[in-house]
Amino acid sequence: MPQHIREHCTVVCQVARALAKELMPAGKTLNLESIAAAALLHDITKSNSIHTKENHAETAARLLHSLGYVRIAAIVNAHVSVPSVDNSGELPKKRSVNYADKRVQHTAVVSLDQRFADLMSRTAG
């Protein structure tokens, strides 16, 4: 994984863990280690997927699943879009990593408007 993607994943991890910690007093029981692992690994296949045009959330999930990390794979698979129906009990973890990724542009925490404007400008070209 290239250095800039590792740095992005590290910041996403920090944001996802902070978000999960804030959700815990509201009655949510979240496994911070699972959230951290998924956040750190969510873009593990991104550099390859840029060349292959594959969905990097899906390729990362397949890789992690093949290595036996089934729960982490499910969270990683939802980091681009969270399924509207989810009976796994993992939805808060999935949303934590998904939202954290949406708020981190490269290594900066930004507003959703800024992040989506950046994503739109990169996909328009």
N, C-alpha and C. Protein backbone atom coordinates (compact mmCIF):
# COMPACT_ATOMS: atom_id res chain seq x y z
N MET A 1 0.86 -1.17 0.00
CA MET A 1 0.00 0.00 0.00
C MET A 1 0.90 1.23 0.00
N PRO A 2 0.70 2.14 -0.95
CA PRO A 2 1.53 3.35 -0.99
C PRO A 2 1.40 4.19 0.29
N GLN A 3 2.44 4.94 0.58
CA GLN A 3 2.51 5.73 1.81
C GLN A 3 1.31 6.68 1.96
N HIS A 4 0.92 7.36 0.89
CA HIS A 4 -0.18 8.33 1.02
C HIS A 4 -1.50 7.63 1.36
N ILE A 5 -1.70 6.42 0.88
CA ILE A 5 -2.91 5.67 1.23
C ILE A 5 -2.83 5.19 2.68
N ARG A 6 -1.65 4.76 3.12
CA ARG A 6 -1.48 4.36 4.52
C ARG A 6 -1.77 5.54 5.45
N GLU A 7 -1.29 6.72 5.08
CA GLU A 7 -1.54 7.91 5.90
C GLU A 7 -3.03 8.24 5.96
N HIS A 8 -3.71 8.14 4.82
CA HIS A 8 -5.15 8.37 4.78
C HIS A 8 -5.86 7.37 5.70
N CYS A 9 -5.49 6.10 5.61
CA CYS A 9 -6.13 5.06 6.43
C CYS A 9 -5.89 5.30 7.92
N THR A 10 -4.72 5.80 8.26
CA THR A 10 -4.42 6.10 9.67
C THR A 10 -5.34 7.18 10.21
N VAL A 11 -5.56 8.23 9.42
CA VAL A 11 -6.46 9.31 9.86
C VAL A 11 -7.90 8.80 9.91
N VAL A 12 -8.31 8.01 8.92
CA VAL A 12 -9.66 7.43 8.94
C VAL A 12 -9.83 6.60 10.21
N CYS A 13 -8.83 5.86 10.58
CA CYS A 13 -8.87 5.06 11.80
C CYS A 13 -9.08 5.95 13.03
N GLN A 14 -8.35 7.04 13.11
CA GLN A 14 -8.49 7.95 14.25
C GLN A 14 -9.90 8.52 14.33
N VAL A 15 -10.45 8.92 13.19
CA VAL A 15 -11.80 9.50 13.16
C VAL A 15 -12.84 8.43 13.50
N ALA A 16 -12.71 7.24 12.93
CA ALA A 16 -13.68 6.16 13.18
C ALA A 16 -13.68 5.76 14.65
N ARG A 17 -12.50 5.66 15.25
CA ARG A 17 -12.42 5.30 16.68
C ARG A 17 -13.05 6.40 17.54
N ALA A 18 -12.78 7.65 17.22
CA ALA A 18 -13.36 8.76 17.99
C ALA A 18 -14.88 8.74 17.87
N LEU A 19 -15.38 8.52 16.68
CA LEU A 19 -16.82 8.45 16.46
C LEU A 19 -17.43 7.30 17.25
N ALA A 20 -16.80 6.14 17.19
CA ALA A 20 -17.31 4.97 17.90
C ALA A 20 -17.31 5.21 19.42
N LYS A 21 -16.28 5.85 19.92
CA LYS A 21 -16.23 6.16 21.36
C LYS A 21 -17.38 7.08 21.76
N GLU A 22 -17.74 8.00 20.88
CA GLU A 22 -18.85 8.91 21.16
C GLU A 22 -20.19 8.18 21.12
N LEU A 23 -20.28 7.14 20.31
CA LEU A 23 -21.53 6.40 20.21
C LEU A 23 -21.75 5.48 21.41
N MET A 24 -20.68 5.06 22.05
CA MET A 24 -20.80 4.10 23.15
C MET A 24 -21.64 4.61 24.31
N PRO A 25 -21.49 5.85 24.76
CA PRO A 25 -22.36 6.31 25.85
C PRO A 25 -23.84 6.33 25.47
N ALA A 26 -24.13 6.33 24.17
CA ALA A 26 -25.52 6.34 23.71
C ALA A 26 -26.11 4.93 23.68
N GLY A 27 -25.42 3.99 24.29
CA GLY A 27 -25.96 2.64 24.38
C GLY A 27 -25.43 1.68 23.35
N LYS A 28 -24.55 2.12 22.48
CA LYS A 28 -23.97 1.24 21.47
C LYS A 28 -22.75 0.55 22.05
N THR A 29 -22.64 -0.73 21.85
CA THR A 29 -21.46 -1.48 22.24
C THR A 29 -20.70 -1.78 20.96
N LEU A 30 -19.55 -1.17 20.81
CA LEU A 30 -18.77 -1.32 19.58
C LEU A 30 -17.39 -1.86 19.89
N ASN A 31 -16.93 -2.74 19.06
CA ASN A 31 -15.60 -3.31 19.20
C ASN A 31 -14.62 -2.36 18.51
N LEU A 32 -13.90 -1.58 19.31
CA LEU A 32 -12.99 -0.59 18.75
C LEU A 32 -11.86 -1.22 17.94
N GLU A 33 -11.44 -2.42 18.33
CA GLU A 33 -10.37 -3.09 17.59
C GLU A 33 -10.83 -3.46 16.18
N SER A 34 -12.07 -3.92 16.04
CA SER A 34 -12.60 -4.24 14.72
C SER A 34 -12.72 -2.99 13.86
N ILE A 35 -13.18 -1.92 14.47
CA ILE A 35 -13.31 -0.66 13.74
C ILE A 35 -11.94 -0.17 13.30
N ALA A 36 -10.97 -0.22 14.20
CA ALA A 36 -9.62 0.23 13.86
C ALA A 36 -9.02 -0.62 12.76
N ALA A 37 -9.17 -1.94 12.86
CA ALA A 37 -8.61 -2.83 11.83
C ALA A 37 -9.24 -2.54 10.47
N ALA A 38 -10.55 -2.41 10.44
CA ALA A 38 -11.24 -2.14 9.17
C ALA A 38 -10.83 -0.78 8.60
N ALA A 39 -10.73 0.21 9.45
CA ALA A 39 -10.34 1.54 8.99
C ALA A 39 -8.92 1.53 8.43
N LEU A 40 -8.02 0.83 9.10
CA LEU A 40 -6.63 0.77 8.63
C LEU A 40 -6.50 0.00 7.32
N LEU A 41 -7.41 -0.93 7.08
CA LEU A 41 -7.30 -1.80 5.90
C LEU A 41 -8.29 -1.46 4.80
N HIS A 42 -9.13 -0.45 4.98
CA HIS A 42 -10.22 -0.23 4.03
C HIS A 42 -9.76 0.05 2.60
N ASP A 43 -8.60 0.59 2.41
CA ASP A 43 -8.10 0.89 1.06
C ASP A 43 -6.93 -0.02 0.66
N ILE A 44 -6.86 -1.21 1.23
CA ILE A 44 -5.71 -2.08 1.02
C ILE A 44 -5.51 -2.46 -0.45
N THR A 45 -6.57 -2.50 -1.24
CA THR A 45 -6.43 -2.85 -2.65
C THR A 45 -6.67 -1.66 -3.58
N LYS A 46 -6.73 -0.47 -3.02
CA LYS A 46 -7.09 0.70 -3.82
C LYS A 46 -6.09 0.98 -4.95
N SER A 47 -4.80 0.92 -4.68
CA SER A 47 -3.83 1.24 -5.73
C SER A 47 -3.96 0.28 -6.90
N ASN A 48 -4.21 -0.99 -6.63
CA ASN A 48 -4.41 -1.96 -7.71
C ASN A 48 -5.73 -1.71 -8.43
N SER A 49 -6.75 -1.39 -7.67
CA SER A 49 -8.08 -1.17 -8.26
C SER A 49 -8.13 0.06 -9.15
N ILE A 50 -7.26 1.02 -8.90
CA ILE A 50 -7.20 2.20 -9.77
C ILE A 50 -6.84 1.76 -11.18
N HIS A 51 -5.95 0.78 -11.28
CA HIS A 51 -5.52 0.29 -12.60
C HIS A 51 -6.53 -0.68 -13.21
N THR A 52 -7.14 -1.52 -12.38
CA THR A 52 -8.06 -2.54 -12.89
C THR A 52 -9.49 -2.02 -13.05
N LYS A 53 -9.78 -0.87 -12.45
CA LYS A 53 -11.12 -0.27 -12.44
C LYS A 53 -12.13 -1.09 -11.64
N GLU A 54 -11.65 -2.00 -10.79
CA GLU A 54 -12.53 -2.78 -9.93
C GLU A 54 -12.94 -1.93 -8.73
N ASN A 55 -14.02 -2.32 -8.10
CA ASN A 55 -14.48 -1.67 -6.88
C ASN A 55 -13.53 -2.04 -5.75
N HIS A 56 -12.79 -1.07 -5.24
CA HIS A 56 -11.76 -1.39 -4.24
C HIS A 56 -12.34 -1.85 -2.90
N ALA A 57 -13.57 -1.47 -2.60
CA ALA A 57 -14.20 -1.98 -1.38
C ALA A 57 -14.45 -3.48 -1.51
N GLU A 58 -14.90 -3.88 -2.68
CA GLU A 58 -15.18 -5.30 -2.91
C GLU A 58 -13.90 -6.12 -2.99
N THR A 59 -12.88 -5.62 -3.68
CA THR A 59 -11.64 -6.39 -3.78
C THR A 59 -10.94 -6.51 -2.43
N ALA A 60 -11.00 -5.44 -1.64
CA ALA A 60 -10.41 -5.49 -0.29
C ALA A 60 -11.17 -6.48 0.58
N ALA A 61 -12.49 -6.46 0.48
CA ALA A 61 -13.30 -7.38 1.27
C ALA A 61 -13.01 -8.83 0.87
N ARG A 62 -12.89 -9.08 -0.41
CA ARG A 62 -12.58 -10.44 -0.86
C ARG A 62 -11.22 -10.90 -0.33
N LEU A 63 -10.23 -10.01 -0.39
CA LEU A 63 -8.90 -10.35 0.12
C LEU A 63 -8.96 -10.67 1.61
N LEU A 64 -9.57 -9.80 2.38
CA LEU A 64 -9.64 -10.00 3.82
C LEU A 64 -10.45 -11.26 4.17
N HIS A 65 -11.53 -11.49 3.45
CA HIS A 65 -12.34 -12.68 3.68
C HIS A 65 -11.51 -13.93 3.40
N SER A 66 -10.73 -13.91 2.32
CA SER A 66 -9.91 -15.07 1.97
C SER A 66 -8.84 -15.36 3.03
N LEU A 67 -8.46 -14.34 3.77
CA LEU A 67 -7.47 -14.49 4.83
C LEU A 67 -8.10 -14.85 6.17
N GLY A 68 -9.43 -14.98 6.18
CA GLY A 68 -10.13 -15.38 7.39
C GLY A 68 -10.67 -14.24 8.23
N TYR A 69 -10.55 -13.02 7.76
CA TYR A 69 -11.03 -11.85 8.51
C TYR A 69 -12.43 -11.47 8.03
N VAL A 70 -13.39 -12.33 8.29
CA VAL A 70 -14.74 -12.19 7.75
C VAL A 70 -15.43 -10.93 8.26
N ARG A 71 -15.39 -10.68 9.56
CA ARG A 71 -16.07 -9.49 10.11
C ARG A 71 -15.41 -8.20 9.62
N ILE A 72 -14.09 -8.19 9.57
CA ILE A 72 -13.38 -7.00 9.08
C ILE A 72 -13.72 -6.79 7.60
N ALA A 73 -13.78 -7.88 6.85
CA ALA A 73 -14.12 -7.80 5.43
C ALA A 73 -15.49 -7.16 5.22
N ALA A 74 -16.45 -7.52 6.04
CA ALA A 74 -17.80 -6.97 5.91
C ALA A 74 -17.81 -5.46 6.17
N ILE A 75 -17.04 -5.03 7.14
CA ILE A 75 -16.96 -3.58 7.43
C ILE A 75 -16.28 -2.86 6.28
N VAL A 76 -15.18 -3.41 5.80
CA VAL A 76 -14.44 -2.81 4.69
C VAL A 76 -15.30 -2.75 3.44
N ASN A 77 -16.08 -3.79 3.18
CA ASN A 77 -16.93 -3.82 2.00
C ASN A 77 -17.96 -2.69 2.00
N ALA A 78 -18.33 -2.21 3.17
CA ALA A 78 -19.34 -1.16 3.30
C ALA A 78 -18.73 0.24 3.41
N HIS A 79 -17.42 0.39 3.19
CA HIS A 79 -16.85 1.72 3.42
C HIS A 79 -17.15 2.71 2.30
N VAL A 80 -17.57 2.22 1.14
CA VAL A 80 -17.96 3.13 0.05
C VAL A 80 -19.45 3.41 0.12
N SER A 81 -20.24 2.35 0.31
CA SER A 81 -21.68 2.53 0.49
C SER A 81 -22.19 1.48 1.45
N VAL A 82 -22.93 1.95 2.44
CA VAL A 82 -23.48 1.06 3.46
C VAL A 82 -24.79 0.50 2.93
N PRO A 83 -24.98 -0.82 3.00
CA PRO A 83 -26.24 -1.40 2.52
C PRO A 83 -27.43 -0.87 3.30
N SER A 84 -28.55 -0.66 2.62
CA SER A 84 -29.73 -0.12 3.30
C SER A 84 -30.36 -1.14 4.23
N VAL A 85 -30.21 -2.43 3.92
CA VAL A 85 -30.71 -3.49 4.79
C VAL A 85 -29.50 -4.28 5.27
N ASP A 86 -29.38 -4.42 6.58
CA ASP A 86 -28.23 -5.12 7.14
C ASP A 86 -28.66 -5.81 8.42
N ASN A 87 -28.71 -7.11 8.37
CA ASN A 87 -29.12 -7.89 9.54
C ASN A 87 -27.94 -8.51 10.27
N SER A 88 -26.74 -8.05 9.98
CA SER A 88 -25.55 -8.66 10.55
C SER A 88 -25.26 -8.21 11.98
N GLY A 89 -25.86 -7.12 12.40
CA GLY A 89 -25.53 -6.56 13.70
C GLY A 89 -24.27 -5.72 13.67
N GLU A 90 -23.68 -5.57 12.50
CA GLU A 90 -22.42 -4.84 12.33
C GLU A 90 -22.63 -3.43 11.80
N LEU A 91 -23.87 -3.00 11.65
CA LEU A 91 -24.13 -1.71 11.01
C LEU A 91 -23.45 -0.52 11.67
N PRO A 92 -23.45 -0.38 13.01
CA PRO A 92 -22.75 0.77 13.58
C PRO A 92 -21.25 0.79 13.24
N LYS A 93 -20.61 -0.38 13.19
CA LYS A 93 -19.20 -0.44 12.82
C LYS A 93 -19.04 -0.02 11.37
N LYS A 94 -19.90 -0.52 10.52
CA LYS A 94 -19.83 -0.18 9.10
C LYS A 94 -20.02 1.32 8.90
N ARG A 95 -20.99 1.86 9.59
CA ARG A 95 -21.25 3.30 9.45
C ARG A 95 -20.11 4.14 10.00
N SER A 96 -19.48 3.69 11.07
CA SER A 96 -18.35 4.44 11.64
C SER A 96 -17.22 4.57 10.64
N VAL A 97 -16.83 3.47 10.01
CA VAL A 97 -15.73 3.50 9.05
C VAL A 97 -16.16 4.24 7.78
N ASN A 98 -17.38 3.99 7.32
CA ASN A 98 -17.88 4.67 6.13
C ASN A 98 -17.88 6.18 6.31
N TYR A 99 -18.44 6.64 7.42
CA TYR A 99 -18.52 8.08 7.67
C TYR A 99 -17.14 8.68 7.86
N ALA A 100 -16.29 8.00 8.58
CA ALA A 100 -14.92 8.51 8.80
C ALA A 100 -14.21 8.67 7.46
N ASP A 101 -14.36 7.69 6.58
CA ASP A 101 -13.72 7.78 5.27
C ASP A 101 -14.28 8.95 4.47
N LYS A 102 -15.57 9.22 4.63
CA LYS A 102 -16.18 10.34 3.91
C LYS A 102 -15.70 11.69 4.43
N ARG A 103 -15.23 11.73 5.65
CA ARG A 103 -14.77 12.99 6.25
C ARG A 103 -13.28 13.24 6.09
N VAL A 104 -12.53 12.25 5.61
CA VAL A 104 -11.08 12.40 5.49
C VAL A 104 -10.69 12.50 4.02
N GLN A 105 -10.25 13.68 3.65
CA GLN A 105 -9.75 13.92 2.29
C GLN A 105 -8.23 13.87 2.36
N HIS A 106 -7.67 12.85 1.80
CA HIS A 106 -6.24 12.57 1.92
C HIS A 106 -5.92 12.35 3.40
N THR A 107 -5.37 13.36 4.08
CA THR A 107 -5.10 13.22 5.52
C THR A 107 -5.75 14.33 6.34
N ALA A 108 -6.62 15.09 5.73
CA ALA A 108 -7.29 16.20 6.43
C ALA A 108 -8.75 15.87 6.69
N VAL A 109 -9.21 16.18 7.87
CA VAL A 109 -10.63 16.04 8.18
C VAL A 109 -11.33 17.27 7.62
N VAL A 110 -12.31 17.02 6.75
CA VAL A 110 -12.99 18.10 6.05
C VAL A 110 -14.50 17.92 6.18
N SER A 111 -15.24 18.91 5.74
CA SER A 111 -16.71 18.78 5.73
C SER A 111 -17.12 17.80 4.65
N LEU A 112 -18.34 17.30 4.76
CA LEU A 112 -18.86 16.41 3.73
C LEU A 112 -18.93 17.11 2.38
N ASP A 113 -19.31 18.39 2.38
CA ASP A 113 -19.37 19.14 1.12
C ASP A 113 -18.01 19.19 0.45
N GLN A 114 -16.96 19.47 1.23
CA GLN A 114 -15.61 19.52 0.67
C GLN A 114 -15.19 18.16 0.13
N ARG A 115 -15.46 17.12 0.89
CA ARG A 115 -15.04 15.78 0.50
C ARG A 115 -15.74 15.34 -0.78
N PHE A 116 -17.05 15.56 -0.86
CA PHE A 116 -17.78 15.14 -2.05
C PHE A 116 -17.43 15.99 -3.26
N ALA A 117 -17.13 17.27 -3.06
CA ALA A 117 -16.68 18.10 -4.18
C ALA A 117 -15.35 17.56 -4.72
N ASP A 118 -14.46 17.16 -3.83
CA ASP A 118 -13.18 16.57 -4.25
C ASP A 118 -13.41 15.27 -5.01
N LEU A 119 -14.28 14.41 -4.49
CA LEU A 119 -14.55 13.14 -5.16
C LEU A 119 -15.17 13.36 -6.53
N MET A 120 -16.09 14.29 -6.63
CA MET A 120 -16.73 14.59 -7.92
C MET A 120 -15.72 15.12 -8.92
N SER A 121 -14.81 15.99 -8.47
CA SER A 121 -13.82 16.56 -9.40
C SER A 121 -12.86 15.48 -9.90
N ARG A 122 -12.57 14.48 -9.08
CA ARG A 122 -11.65 13.41 -9.50
C ARG A 122 -12.34 12.42 -10.42
N THR A 123 -13.65 12.22 -10.27
CA THR A 123 -14.33 11.26 -11.13
C THR A 123 -14.80 11.90 -12.43
N ALA A 124 -14.82 13.23 -12.47
CA ALA A 124 -15.26 13.93 -13.68
C ALA A 124 -14.21 13.89 -14.79
N GLY A 125 -12.95 13.68 -14.39
CA GLY A 125 -11.87 13.76 -15.36
C GLY A 125 -11.55 12.54 -16.09
